[in-house]
Structures are given as C-alpha cells and as structure tokens.
Amino acid sequence: MEPTVEIRRLFDMIPASARMMTKIISKPEQAKVIDTSFPFPWNWERPIYINFDLWHRLTKPQRDLLLLQTVSWLTGVKWFKPDIYQGVVLAGLLGGLVEFLHADALGVVIAGGLTTLAGFRITAINRSQHSQLNADEVAIKVAQRRGYSEVEAAQHLLSAIEAVAKIEGHSALDFTELIRCQNLRAIAGLSSIGVPEGYKN
C-alpha cells in the first residue's frame, strides 16, 4: 500500500467540516493500527496517526469506517459549549485572574483547583463510552453519504474493531469495545439486544 495515495483517498472520505483541522500522518513505528491524541483546546490541528503496514490488513470498507469513527470522535470533543463544566472552567479562570490581580494567593489556588477539576471532568466525558458510541453513530451517518447503507456501515465498523484487536495482538476486547460492538450489532440487525440507555448518556 502506498501511504500517499491512501492518505489522499482517506482525506476525501472526511467530512468537509473536519478537513481543516484533521491531518493524516504515516507512523510506521507505532504498535496501533490507527491512533490519535486527546484534542486539548490549544491544539487546533488534530492529527491521526496510521501504521500503513498494519492498515493494509483491513478491507477498504473497514478502513473507511475506522477513519470516519476516529474523525467523528475527534471533532465531537467540545471544550467550548454551554455546559456546567465549561462554565466552571470559565468561572475558575476569571476568578483566578481577579484574585491574581488582587494578589490573593489563596483565591488563586482555589480558582485554579476548580478549573483543573472541571477540566478533568470534561476530559473524562469526552473519553467515555458515550462519546465513543456517539462517534460510531456519527461515522455511520457520514458513511451513508459515501454510499454505504446503515447496516453495511455498522457491519464494517464492527468487523474493523474486531480485526484491529487481532492485528494488534489483544487477547480480548476491552469493556468499551464490547459495548460498542453490541451497539453496532443492534444497528446492523445482528442482535435484538441493544445497549442500555445508561451507557449512551
């Protein structure tokens, strides 16, 4: 597989709204098939690293859905949206600035602590099973605009998750992957049992 050609093809798969911030980079030394870093607010560019030596072991539809899921998760991470935790971060930053200007060391520490705690909570929410399930469903919707049916897209993403685990030498899927697979089986009509609402919220 020629990485440059595949990168160009994959980039065309990405929704136009995500192309400005997404960058696909060949990283043959990594052990993972596809990887990305958690997108912090100061990182405008959101790189996706692919080991093309491993990537070529997947089928084209599996590669398409895996990329779309990764892009959907990356673009789904929202730091600046109306939310209690974003409000606490903003209040903490403003409070810290005011206390700093008044030379109140204790106030600065308290405001900084609030900001840090809220930041950790935002990060945890964006790493949760809910965010992964949501990214799966967004990826399926995007794939439907690329010629896949909903059932086909769900089946390809399901098989991609399982194939990646084998390629990377995992003995079993982790808990989040198991939840995602069950949800994808339900979408694909392979199972009548979906994921409990508690995992989606």
Protein backbone atom coordinates (compact mmCIF):
# COMPACT_ATOMS: atom_id res chain seq x y z
CA MET A 1 0.00 0.00 0.00
CA GLU A 2 1.33 3.42 -0.97
CA PRO A 3 0.70 5.70 2.05
CA THR A 4 0.49 8.91 0.00
CA VAL A 5 -2.24 7.51 -2.27
CA GLU A 6 -4.19 6.07 0.66
CA ILE A 7 -3.91 9.30 2.65
CA ARG A 8 -5.34 11.22 -0.30
CA ARG A 9 -8.20 8.74 -0.62
CA LEU A 10 -8.94 8.83 3.12
CA PHE A 11 -8.84 12.62 3.18
CA ASP A 12 -11.59 12.64 0.54
CA MET A 13 -13.70 10.47 2.88
CA ILE A 14 -13.53 13.00 5.71
CA PRO A 15 -16.46 15.45 6.00
CA ALA A 16 -15.59 18.88 4.64
CA SER A 17 -16.22 20.44 8.06
CA ALA A 18 -13.39 18.37 9.59
CA ARG A 19 -10.76 18.70 6.84
CA MET A 20 -9.32 22.00 8.07
CA MET A 21 -8.27 20.57 11.43
CA THR A 22 -7.60 16.91 10.53
CA LYS A 23 -4.21 15.69 9.36
CA ILE A 24 -3.44 12.05 8.48
CA ILE A 25 0.16 11.08 9.20
CA SER A 26 2.03 7.87 8.42
CA LYS A 27 3.64 6.45 11.57
CA PRO A 28 5.10 3.00 10.79
CA GLU A 29 6.79 2.67 14.19
CA GLN A 30 3.57 2.69 16.22
CA ALA A 31 2.06 -0.56 17.51
CA LYS A 32 -1.52 0.58 16.90
CA VAL A 33 -3.21 0.43 13.52
CA ILE A 34 -4.68 3.92 13.97
CA ASP A 35 -4.10 6.32 16.84
CA THR A 36 -4.72 9.89 17.85
CA SER A 37 -4.05 12.11 20.84
CA PHE A 38 -6.75 13.63 23.00
CA PRO A 39 -7.52 17.04 21.43
CA PHE A 40 -6.93 19.75 24.02
CA PRO A 41 -8.35 23.23 23.30
CA TRP A 42 -4.95 24.71 22.47
CA ASN A 43 -4.36 22.08 19.75
CA TRP A 44 -6.16 23.36 16.66
CA GLU A 45 -4.67 20.67 14.43
CA ARG A 46 -5.91 17.15 15.20
CA PRO A 47 -3.50 14.57 13.73
CA ILE A 48 -4.44 10.95 13.08
CA TYR A 49 -1.51 8.52 13.00
CA ILE A 50 -1.72 5.37 10.88
CA ASN A 51 0.67 2.44 10.64
CA PHE A 52 0.13 1.58 6.98
CA ASP A 53 1.98 -1.73 7.34
CA LEU A 54 -0.88 -2.82 9.62
CA TRP A 55 -3.58 -0.72 7.97
CA HIS A 56 -3.40 -2.66 4.69
CA ARG A 57 -4.55 -5.82 6.51
CA LEU A 58 -8.02 -4.31 6.82
CA THR A 59 -10.53 -4.29 3.98
CA LYS A 60 -11.29 -0.96 2.30
CA PRO A 61 -14.75 -0.63 3.96
CA GLN A 62 -13.21 -1.41 7.37
CA ARG A 63 -10.57 1.27 6.80
CA ASP A 64 -13.21 3.78 5.72
CA LEU A 65 -15.37 3.25 8.79
CA LEU A 66 -12.42 3.17 11.17
CA LEU A 67 -11.20 6.51 9.86
CA LEU A 68 -14.68 8.05 9.94
CA GLN A 69 -15.16 6.89 13.53
CA THR A 70 -11.83 8.40 14.60
CA VAL A 71 -12.61 11.70 12.86
CA SER A 72 -16.12 11.73 14.38
CA TRP A 73 -14.69 11.24 17.86
CA LEU A 74 -12.02 13.94 17.36
CA THR A 75 -14.48 16.50 16.05
CA GLY A 76 -17.02 15.51 18.70
CA VAL A 77 -14.76 16.68 21.53
CA LYS A 78 -16.18 20.06 22.51
CA TRP A 79 -14.36 22.25 25.01
CA PHE A 80 -16.38 25.40 24.43
CA LYS A 81 -20.08 24.59 24.54
CA PRO A 82 -22.75 25.72 27.02
CA ASP A 83 -22.33 23.22 29.85
CA ILE A 84 -21.92 23.26 33.63
CA TYR A 85 -18.30 22.09 33.46
CA GLN A 86 -17.33 24.60 30.77
CA GLY A 87 -18.98 27.24 32.95
CA VAL A 88 -16.90 26.17 35.95
CA VAL A 89 -13.70 26.31 33.88
CA LEU A 90 -14.55 29.81 32.68
CA ALA A 91 -15.54 30.97 36.17
CA GLY A 92 -12.36 29.45 37.60
CA LEU A 93 -10.17 31.18 35.03
CA LEU A 94 -11.87 34.54 35.52
CA GLY A 95 -11.85 34.12 39.30
CA GLY A 96 -8.17 33.19 39.24
CA LEU A 97 -7.36 36.27 37.17
CA VAL A 98 -9.26 38.57 39.55
CA GLU A 99 -7.63 37.01 42.62
CA PHE A 100 -4.20 37.25 40.96
CA LEU A 101 -4.74 40.94 40.26
CA HIS A 102 -5.72 41.40 43.93
CA ALA A 103 -2.64 39.39 44.98
CA ASP A 104 -4.84 36.86 46.85
CA ALA A 105 -2.78 33.65 46.80
CA LEU A 106 -5.49 31.50 48.41
CA GLY A 107 -8.10 32.73 45.94
CA VAL A 108 -5.77 31.93 43.02
CA VAL A 109 -5.21 28.39 44.37
CA ILE A 110 -8.95 27.77 44.85
CA ALA A 111 -9.85 29.13 41.40
CA GLY A 112 -7.04 27.11 39.84
CA GLY A 113 -8.25 23.96 41.61
CA LEU A 114 -11.82 24.47 40.35
CA THR A 115 -10.56 24.99 36.81
CA THR A 116 -8.42 21.85 36.96
CA LEU A 117 -11.21 19.68 38.37
CA ALA A 118 -13.68 20.88 35.74
CA GLY A 119 -11.06 20.32 33.03
CA PHE A 120 -10.54 16.72 34.21
CA ARG A 121 -14.31 16.17 34.15
CA ILE A 122 -14.62 17.50 30.57
CA THR A 123 -11.77 15.19 29.52
CA ALA A 124 -13.43 12.19 31.22
CA ILE A 125 -16.76 12.90 29.47
CA ASN A 126 -15.04 13.07 26.09
CA ARG A 127 -13.21 9.77 26.73
CA SER A 128 -16.35 7.98 27.92
CA GLN A 129 -18.27 5.11 26.33
CA HIS A 130 -20.98 7.63 25.46
CA SER A 131 -18.56 9.67 23.32
CA GLN A 132 -17.35 6.51 21.54
CA LEU A 133 -20.92 5.28 20.91
CA ASN A 134 -21.84 8.71 19.60
CA ALA A 135 -18.78 8.75 17.31
CA ASP A 136 -19.78 5.31 15.96
CA GLU A 137 -23.25 6.55 15.09
CA VAL A 138 -21.96 9.78 13.50
CA ALA A 139 -19.47 7.75 11.44
CA ILE A 140 -22.30 5.53 10.19
CA LYS A 141 -24.30 8.60 9.13
CA VAL A 142 -21.30 10.03 7.26
CA ALA A 143 -20.68 6.62 5.62
CA GLN A 144 -24.26 6.67 4.35
CA ARG A 145 -23.38 9.86 2.45
CA ARG A 146 -20.40 7.96 0.99
CA GLY A 147 -22.52 5.17 -0.48
CA TYR A 148 -22.82 2.69 2.39
CA SER A 149 -26.15 1.61 3.83
CA GLU A 150 -26.65 1.94 7.59
CA VAL A 151 -26.48 -1.85 8.02
CA GLU A 152 -23.34 -2.18 5.86
CA ALA A 153 -21.59 0.65 7.70
CA ALA A 154 -22.39 -0.84 11.11
CA GLN A 155 -21.18 -4.29 9.99
CA HIS A 156 -17.93 -2.89 8.57
CA LEU A 157 -17.19 -0.86 11.72
CA LEU A 158 -17.99 -3.89 13.89
CA SER A 159 -15.65 -6.12 11.90
CA ALA A 160 -12.98 -3.38 11.90
CA ILE A 161 -12.98 -3.18 15.72
CA GLU A 162 -12.57 -6.96 15.95
CA ALA A 163 -9.92 -7.07 13.20
CA VAL A 164 -7.84 -4.30 14.79
CA ALA A 165 -7.83 -6.19 18.12
CA LYS A 166 -6.42 -9.27 16.34
CA ILE A 167 -3.86 -7.29 14.34
CA GLU A 168 -2.63 -5.52 17.48
CA GLY A 169 -2.46 -8.85 19.35
CA HIS A 170 -5.10 -8.19 22.01
CA SER A 171 -6.34 -11.33 23.74
CA ALA A 172 -9.81 -9.79 24.14
CA LEU A 173 -11.77 -6.62 23.50
CA ASP A 174 -11.85 -4.09 26.33
CA PHE A 175 -15.11 -3.09 28.02
CA THR A 176 -15.74 -0.03 25.85
CA GLU A 177 -15.11 -2.04 22.68
CA LEU A 178 -17.55 -4.72 23.86
CA ILE A 179 -20.23 -2.09 24.47
CA ARG A 180 -19.58 -0.54 21.06
CA CYS A 181 -19.74 -3.95 19.34
CA GLN A 182 -23.07 -4.75 20.99
CA ASN A 183 -24.50 -1.41 19.87
CA LEU A 184 -23.22 -1.97 16.32
CA ARG A 185 -24.72 -5.49 16.23
CA ALA A 186 -28.08 -3.97 17.15
CA ILE A 187 -27.77 -1.29 14.42
CA ALA A 188 -26.74 -3.94 11.88
CA GLY A 189 -29.71 -6.13 12.82
CA LEU A 190 -27.43 -8.91 14.07
CA SER A 191 -28.78 -8.71 17.61
CA SER A 192 -32.11 -7.77 19.15
CA ILE A 193 -30.35 -6.63 22.32
CA GLY A 194 -29.07 -3.07 22.22
CA VAL A 195 -27.01 -1.09 24.68
CA PRO A 196 -28.72 0.08 27.91
CA GLU A 197 -29.55 3.78 27.86
CA GLY A 198 -27.22 4.33 30.83
CA TYR A 199 -24.22 3.76 28.56
CA LYS A 200 -25.47 6.25 26.00
CA ASN A 201 -26.00 9.12 28.43
